[in-house]
Amino acid sequence: MEKRIGCVAILLTDLHVVSEINTILSNCGSIIIGRLGLPVKDRGVHVISVIVDGTTDEIGAMTGKIGRLKSVQVKSVLTKATNSEE
């Protein structure tokens, strides 16, 4: 299965979903390379950037679960070039 590297941007406006996001990210830990979370307090928004390395199915499953949460927006961008898993 081909893997891609990419970045997933998560924007949330309600901190009540943080534990649900953390659970999803923990369950998808095998495809996560790194993560950065930043609060933008004066705008009431929290931004989480997640660098991933996985198949489009794995990344899509993760972003789909996150995107179903209330007060959350998620977008991903993936490399066009792919590497085959050895």
N, C-alpha and C. Protein backbone atom coordinates (compact mmCIF):
# COMPACT_ATOMS: atom_id res chain seq x y z
N MET A 1 0.85 -1.18 0.00
CA MET A 1 0.00 0.00 0.00
C MET A 1 0.89 1.24 0.00
N GLU A 2 0.54 2.21 -0.80
CA GLU A 2 1.35 3.42 -0.91
C GLU A 2 1.07 4.37 0.26
N LYS A 3 2.13 4.99 0.75
CA LYS A 3 2.02 5.95 1.84
C LYS A 3 2.29 7.36 1.32
N ARG A 4 1.74 8.31 2.01
CA ARG A 4 1.96 9.72 1.70
C ARG A 4 2.29 10.47 2.99
N ILE A 5 3.07 11.52 2.83
CA ILE A 5 3.36 12.41 3.95
C ILE A 5 2.51 13.65 3.77
N GLY A 6 2.01 14.17 4.87
CA GLY A 6 1.18 15.35 4.75
C GLY A 6 0.99 16.06 6.08
N CYS A 7 0.16 17.08 6.02
CA CYS A 7 -0.15 17.88 7.21
C CYS A 7 -1.67 17.95 7.36
N VAL A 8 -2.12 17.73 8.58
CA VAL A 8 -3.54 17.82 8.90
C VAL A 8 -3.72 19.02 9.83
N ALA A 9 -4.55 19.96 9.42
CA ALA A 9 -4.84 21.14 10.23
C ALA A 9 -6.20 20.95 10.90
N ILE A 10 -6.20 21.12 12.21
CA ILE A 10 -7.43 20.97 13.00
C ILE A 10 -7.68 22.30 13.70
N LEU A 11 -8.87 22.86 13.51
CA LEU A 11 -9.27 24.11 14.17
C LEU A 11 -10.47 23.81 15.06
N LEU A 12 -10.37 24.20 16.32
CA LEU A 12 -11.50 23.97 17.20
C LEU A 12 -11.83 25.23 17.98
N THR A 13 -13.11 25.40 18.25
CA THR A 13 -13.58 26.57 18.98
C THR A 13 -14.20 26.21 20.32
N ASP A 14 -14.27 24.92 20.63
CA ASP A 14 -14.86 24.46 21.89
C ASP A 14 -13.90 23.45 22.52
N LEU A 15 -13.34 23.81 23.67
CA LEU A 15 -12.36 22.94 24.34
C LEU A 15 -12.96 21.65 24.88
N HIS A 16 -14.27 21.53 24.87
CA HIS A 16 -14.90 20.31 25.37
C HIS A 16 -14.61 19.09 24.49
N VAL A 17 -14.15 19.31 23.27
CA VAL A 17 -13.85 18.18 22.36
C VAL A 17 -12.39 17.77 22.39
N VAL A 18 -11.58 18.44 23.18
CA VAL A 18 -10.14 18.16 23.20
C VAL A 18 -9.85 16.71 23.57
N SER A 19 -10.54 16.18 24.57
CA SER A 19 -10.27 14.79 24.98
C SER A 19 -10.63 13.82 23.87
N GLU A 20 -11.70 14.11 23.12
CA GLU A 20 -12.08 13.24 22.00
C GLU A 20 -11.03 13.30 20.88
N ILE A 21 -10.52 14.50 20.60
CA ILE A 21 -9.47 14.65 19.59
C ILE A 21 -8.22 13.91 20.03
N ASN A 22 -7.83 14.06 21.29
CA ASN A 22 -6.64 13.38 21.80
C ASN A 22 -6.79 11.86 21.71
N THR A 23 -7.97 11.35 21.98
CA THR A 23 -8.21 9.91 21.87
C THR A 23 -8.04 9.44 20.43
N ILE A 24 -8.61 10.18 19.50
CA ILE A 24 -8.50 9.81 18.08
C ILE A 24 -7.03 9.86 17.65
N LEU A 25 -6.33 10.93 18.02
CA LEU A 25 -4.92 11.05 17.64
C LEU A 25 -4.07 9.95 18.28
N SER A 26 -4.37 9.59 19.51
CA SER A 26 -3.64 8.50 20.17
C SER A 26 -3.87 7.18 19.45
N ASN A 27 -5.11 6.93 19.06
CA ASN A 27 -5.43 5.70 18.34
C ASN A 27 -4.78 5.65 16.96
N CYS A 28 -4.44 6.80 16.40
CA CYS A 28 -3.82 6.88 15.08
C CYS A 28 -2.32 7.17 15.20
N GLY A 29 -1.76 6.94 16.36
CA GLY A 29 -0.36 7.27 16.63
C GLY A 29 0.63 6.64 15.68
N SER A 30 0.29 5.52 15.07
CA SER A 30 1.23 4.84 14.17
C SER A 30 1.50 5.63 12.89
N ILE A 31 0.62 6.58 12.55
CA ILE A 31 0.84 7.37 11.32
C ILE A 31 1.26 8.81 11.63
N ILE A 32 1.35 9.17 12.90
CA ILE A 32 1.67 10.55 13.28
C ILE A 32 3.18 10.69 13.50
N ILE A 33 3.77 11.64 12.77
CA ILE A 33 5.20 11.95 12.92
C ILE A 33 5.40 13.02 13.98
N GLY A 34 4.54 14.03 13.99
CA GLY A 34 4.66 15.13 14.93
C GLY A 34 3.37 15.89 15.06
N ARG A 35 3.30 16.68 16.12
CA ARG A 35 2.07 17.42 16.41
C ARG A 35 2.43 18.72 17.12
N LEU A 36 1.70 19.79 16.78
CA LEU A 36 1.89 21.08 17.41
C LEU A 36 0.52 21.69 17.67
N GLY A 37 0.27 22.10 18.89
CA GLY A 37 -0.98 22.75 19.24
C GLY A 37 -0.74 24.16 19.71
N LEU A 38 -1.52 25.10 19.19
CA LEU A 38 -1.38 26.50 19.57
C LEU A 38 -2.74 27.12 19.86
N PRO A 39 -2.90 27.72 21.03
CA PRO A 39 -4.13 28.45 21.30
C PRO A 39 -4.02 29.87 20.75
N VAL A 40 -5.07 30.33 20.12
CA VAL A 40 -5.14 31.73 19.68
C VAL A 40 -6.26 32.34 20.54
N LYS A 41 -5.91 32.65 21.77
CA LYS A 41 -6.90 33.00 22.79
C LYS A 41 -7.74 34.22 22.43
N ASP A 42 -7.11 35.23 21.86
CA ASP A 42 -7.86 36.45 21.54
C ASP A 42 -8.88 36.23 20.43
N ARG A 43 -8.76 35.13 19.69
CA ARG A 43 -9.72 34.82 18.62
C ARG A 43 -10.63 33.65 18.99
N GLY A 44 -10.37 33.01 20.14
CA GLY A 44 -11.20 31.90 20.58
C GLY A 44 -11.04 30.64 19.74
N VAL A 45 -9.86 30.47 19.17
CA VAL A 45 -9.60 29.33 18.30
C VAL A 45 -8.36 28.61 18.79
N HIS A 46 -8.35 27.31 18.67
CA HIS A 46 -7.18 26.49 18.99
C HIS A 46 -6.81 25.74 17.72
N VAL A 47 -5.54 25.76 17.37
CA VAL A 47 -5.05 25.16 16.14
C VAL A 47 -4.14 23.99 16.49
N ILE A 48 -4.39 22.85 15.87
CA ILE A 48 -3.52 21.69 16.02
C ILE A 48 -3.04 21.31 14.62
N SER A 49 -1.73 21.23 14.47
CA SER A 49 -1.12 20.81 13.21
C SER A 49 -0.50 19.44 13.44
N VAL A 50 -0.87 18.47 12.60
CA VAL A 50 -0.39 17.10 12.76
C VAL A 50 0.31 16.68 11.47
N ILE A 51 1.57 16.26 11.57
CA ILE A 51 2.30 15.76 10.42
C ILE A 51 2.11 14.25 10.39
N VAL A 52 1.68 13.73 9.25
CA VAL A 52 1.34 12.31 9.14
C VAL A 52 2.13 11.63 8.03
N ASP A 53 2.28 10.32 8.17
CA ASP A 53 2.91 9.46 7.16
C ASP A 53 2.10 8.17 7.14
N GLY A 54 1.18 8.07 6.19
CA GLY A 54 0.32 6.89 6.13
C GLY A 54 -0.39 6.79 4.80
N THR A 55 -1.20 5.77 4.67
CA THR A 55 -1.97 5.59 3.44
C THR A 55 -3.11 6.61 3.43
N THR A 56 -3.65 6.85 2.27
CA THR A 56 -4.78 7.78 2.19
C THR A 56 -5.98 7.25 2.97
N ASP A 57 -6.12 5.94 3.04
CA ASP A 57 -7.22 5.36 3.83
C ASP A 57 -7.03 5.63 5.32
N GLU A 58 -5.80 5.46 5.81
CA GLU A 58 -5.53 5.70 7.23
C GLU A 58 -5.72 7.17 7.59
N ILE A 59 -5.19 8.04 6.76
CA ILE A 59 -5.30 9.48 7.02
C ILE A 59 -6.75 9.93 6.90
N GLY A 60 -7.44 9.42 5.90
CA GLY A 60 -8.86 9.75 5.72
C GLY A 60 -9.73 9.27 6.85
N ALA A 61 -9.43 8.09 7.39
CA ALA A 61 -10.19 7.58 8.53
C ALA A 61 -10.00 8.49 9.74
N MET A 62 -8.77 8.93 9.97
CA MET A 62 -8.49 9.81 11.10
C MET A 62 -9.20 11.16 10.93
N THR A 63 -9.05 11.77 9.75
CA THR A 63 -9.66 13.09 9.55
C THR A 63 -11.18 12.99 9.53
N GLY A 64 -11.71 11.89 9.07
CA GLY A 64 -13.16 11.70 9.08
C GLY A 64 -13.73 11.68 10.49
N LYS A 65 -13.06 10.95 11.38
CA LYS A 65 -13.50 10.88 12.78
C LYS A 65 -13.42 12.26 13.44
N ILE A 66 -12.32 12.96 13.17
CA ILE A 66 -12.16 14.30 13.76
C ILE A 66 -13.19 15.27 13.19
N GLY A 67 -13.42 15.20 11.89
CA GLY A 67 -14.35 16.11 11.23
C GLY A 67 -15.79 15.95 11.67
N ARG A 68 -16.15 14.81 12.24
CA ARG A 68 -17.52 14.60 12.72
C ARG A 68 -17.78 15.24 14.09
N LEU A 69 -16.73 15.71 14.74
CA LEU A 69 -16.91 16.35 16.05
C LEU A 69 -17.47 17.76 15.87
N LYS A 70 -18.31 18.17 16.82
CA LYS A 70 -18.88 19.52 16.77
C LYS A 70 -17.81 20.55 17.09
N SER A 71 -17.91 21.71 16.50
CA SER A 71 -17.01 22.85 16.72
C SER A 71 -15.60 22.59 16.22
N VAL A 72 -15.45 21.66 15.27
CA VAL A 72 -14.13 21.29 14.75
C VAL A 72 -14.15 21.36 13.22
N GLN A 73 -13.08 21.92 12.67
CA GLN A 73 -12.85 21.89 11.22
C GLN A 73 -11.53 21.20 11.00
N VAL A 74 -11.44 20.38 9.95
CA VAL A 74 -10.21 19.66 9.67
C VAL A 74 -9.96 19.67 8.16
N LYS A 75 -8.71 19.90 7.79
CA LYS A 75 -8.29 19.88 6.39
C LYS A 75 -6.94 19.20 6.32
N SER A 76 -6.69 18.52 5.22
CA SER A 76 -5.39 17.87 5.07
C SER A 76 -4.82 18.16 3.70
N VAL A 77 -3.51 18.15 3.65
CA VAL A 77 -2.80 18.28 2.38
C VAL A 77 -1.74 17.18 2.39
N LEU A 78 -1.67 16.43 1.29
CA LEU A 78 -0.76 15.29 1.21
C LEU A 78 0.16 15.44 0.01
N THR A 79 1.33 14.80 0.10
CA THR A 79 2.26 14.82 -1.01
C THR A 79 1.64 14.11 -2.22
N LYS A 80 2.01 14.57 -3.40
CA LYS A 80 1.57 13.88 -4.61
C LYS A 80 2.44 12.66 -4.87
N ALA A 81 3.75 12.81 -4.62
CA ALA A 81 4.67 11.70 -4.80
C ALA A 81 4.45 10.69 -3.69
N THR A 82 4.46 9.41 -4.03
CA THR A 82 4.24 8.38 -3.05
C THR A 82 5.41 7.42 -3.02
N ASN A 83 5.56 6.75 -1.91
CA ASN A 83 6.57 5.71 -1.74
C ASN A 83 5.85 4.41 -1.42
N SER A 84 6.29 3.31 -1.97
CA SER A 84 5.71 2.03 -1.66
C SER A 84 6.26 1.53 -0.34
N GLU A 85 5.38 0.89 0.42
CA GLU A 85 5.80 0.30 1.68
C GLU A 85 6.60 -0.96 1.38
N GLU A 86 7.72 -1.11 2.05
CA GLU A 86 8.59 -2.27 1.78
C GLU A 86 8.31 -3.39 2.73
